Amino acid sequence: MKKDVEYQIIVGCNDPFLKSEYVKDHELSDIIVDFFARYNIDFSLLKINGGYLYNDGSFVLENGICVAIIGSTDEKILKLAKTFKMFMCQENVLVIKNKVDTKII
């Protein structure tokens, strides 16, 4: 097993001003898949549902996307997350970093 780092970037589909879907999750999936394919970056993508507490105190349920990437760097992932945040007009984007054991079989 190889020691590696997994990053997860979680992006919601809701517009922070309207507090409703800005883009459908399947449209966001297509955009993200196209992006990673263009740059030849290994990734996994999961459609997710969750709750989000806005900075103004309102809480909503929303669809979103979790992108998992193994073997990148903090700098590249944070840049990517900021790009998703800006592109999707998000109040916040969540980045998770996990140490994992990997093995390609």
Protein backbone atom coordinates (compact mmCIF):
# COMPACT_ATOMS: atom_id res chain seq x y z
CA MET A 1 0.00 0.00 0.00
CA LYS A 2 1.14 3.51 -0.84
CA LYS A 3 0.60 6.40 1.57
CA ASP A 4 -1.18 9.17 -0.24
CA VAL A 5 -3.46 12.17 0.26
CA GLU A 6 -7.09 12.34 -0.81
CA TYR A 7 -8.77 15.70 -1.24
CA GLN A 8 -12.51 16.18 -1.42
CA ILE A 9 -14.03 19.38 -2.74
CA ILE A 10 -17.72 19.81 -1.96
CA VAL A 11 -19.64 22.32 -4.06
CA GLY A 12 -23.32 23.14 -3.65
CA CYS A 13 -25.79 23.91 -6.43
CA ASN A 14 -27.69 26.72 -4.69
CA ASP A 15 -27.27 30.41 -5.40
CA PRO A 16 -26.48 32.19 -2.09
CA PHE A 17 -28.76 35.14 -2.90
CA LEU A 18 -31.78 33.20 -4.16
CA LYS A 19 -31.14 30.25 -1.81
CA SER A 20 -32.35 27.92 -4.55
CA GLU A 21 -30.65 25.86 -7.26
CA TYR A 22 -28.37 27.94 -9.46
CA VAL A 23 -27.62 24.91 -11.64
CA LYS A 24 -28.91 21.33 -11.62
CA ASP A 25 -26.53 18.73 -10.15
CA HIS A 26 -26.29 16.86 -13.47
CA GLU A 27 -25.26 20.10 -15.22
CA LEU A 28 -22.63 20.75 -12.56
CA SER A 29 -21.41 17.16 -12.94
CA ASP A 30 -21.01 17.65 -16.70
CA ILE A 31 -19.07 20.90 -16.20
CA ILE A 32 -16.72 19.29 -13.66
CA VAL A 33 -16.19 16.14 -15.75
CA ASP A 34 -15.33 18.29 -18.79
CA PHE A 35 -12.91 20.36 -16.71
CA PHE A 36 -11.01 17.36 -15.34
CA ALA A 37 -10.97 15.59 -18.70
CA ARG A 38 -9.52 18.70 -20.38
CA TYR A 39 -6.61 18.75 -17.91
CA ASN A 40 -6.18 14.95 -17.62
CA ILE A 41 -6.70 14.94 -13.83
CA ASP A 42 -7.73 11.69 -12.08
CA PHE A 43 -10.89 12.20 -10.03
CA SER A 44 -14.08 10.64 -8.74
CA LEU A 45 -17.37 12.48 -8.59
CA LEU A 46 -20.34 11.84 -6.32
CA LYS A 47 -23.69 13.59 -6.35
CA ILE A 48 -24.65 14.50 -2.80
CA ASN A 49 -27.48 16.05 -0.80
CA GLY A 50 -26.99 18.02 2.36
CA GLY A 51 -27.88 20.97 4.50
CA TYR A 52 -26.12 24.33 4.54
CA LEU A 53 -26.22 27.15 7.07
CA TYR A 54 -25.69 30.48 5.30
CA ASN A 55 -23.69 33.27 6.91
CA ASP A 56 -27.00 35.16 7.41
CA GLY A 57 -28.32 32.31 9.60
CA SER A 58 -30.78 30.75 7.14
CA PHE A 59 -30.60 27.00 6.59
CA VAL A 60 -31.40 25.19 3.33
CA LEU A 61 -31.27 21.68 1.93
CA GLU A 62 -29.41 21.49 -1.37
CA ASN A 63 -27.95 19.20 -3.97
CA GLY A 64 -24.23 19.26 -4.55
CA ILE A 65 -21.16 17.53 -5.88
CA CYS A 66 -18.23 15.91 -4.06
CA VAL A 67 -15.07 15.68 -6.16
CA ALA A 68 -12.40 13.32 -4.80
CA ILE A 69 -8.82 13.71 -6.02
CA ILE A 70 -5.81 11.64 -4.98
CA GLY A 71 -2.20 12.74 -5.29
CA SER A 72 -2.41 16.48 -5.79
CA THR A 73 -1.01 19.32 -3.68
CA ASP A 74 -2.65 21.66 -1.18
CA GLU A 75 -1.86 24.64 -3.42
CA LYS A 76 -3.47 23.12 -6.53
CA ILE A 77 -6.55 21.93 -4.63
CA LEU A 78 -7.14 25.29 -2.94
CA LYS A 79 -6.79 27.05 -6.29
CA LEU A 80 -9.27 24.61 -7.83
CA ALA A 81 -11.73 25.04 -4.93
CA LYS A 82 -11.56 28.84 -5.27
CA THR A 83 -12.25 28.48 -9.00
CA PHE A 84 -15.32 26.32 -8.29
CA LYS A 85 -16.47 28.79 -5.63
CA MET A 86 -16.24 31.74 -8.01
CA PHE A 87 -17.66 29.88 -11.03
CA MET A 88 -20.62 28.49 -9.08
CA CYS A 89 -21.24 31.75 -7.18
CA GLN A 90 -20.93 29.96 -3.82
CA GLU A 91 -20.69 31.56 -0.39
CA ASN A 92 -18.33 28.73 0.63
CA VAL A 93 -16.81 25.53 -0.76
CA LEU A 94 -15.67 22.77 1.58
CA VAL A 95 -12.22 21.18 1.14
CA ILE A 96 -11.42 17.98 3.05
CA LYS A 97 -7.95 16.43 3.24
CA ASN A 98 -7.44 12.80 4.30
CA LYS A 99 -4.35 10.64 4.55
CA VAL A 100 -5.14 7.34 2.83
CA ASP A 101 -3.48 4.07 1.87
CA THR A 102 -3.83 3.37 -1.83
CA LYS A 103 -3.13 0.37 -4.01
CA ILE A 104 -3.81 0.04 -7.69
CA ILE A 105 -4.64 -3.55 -8.58
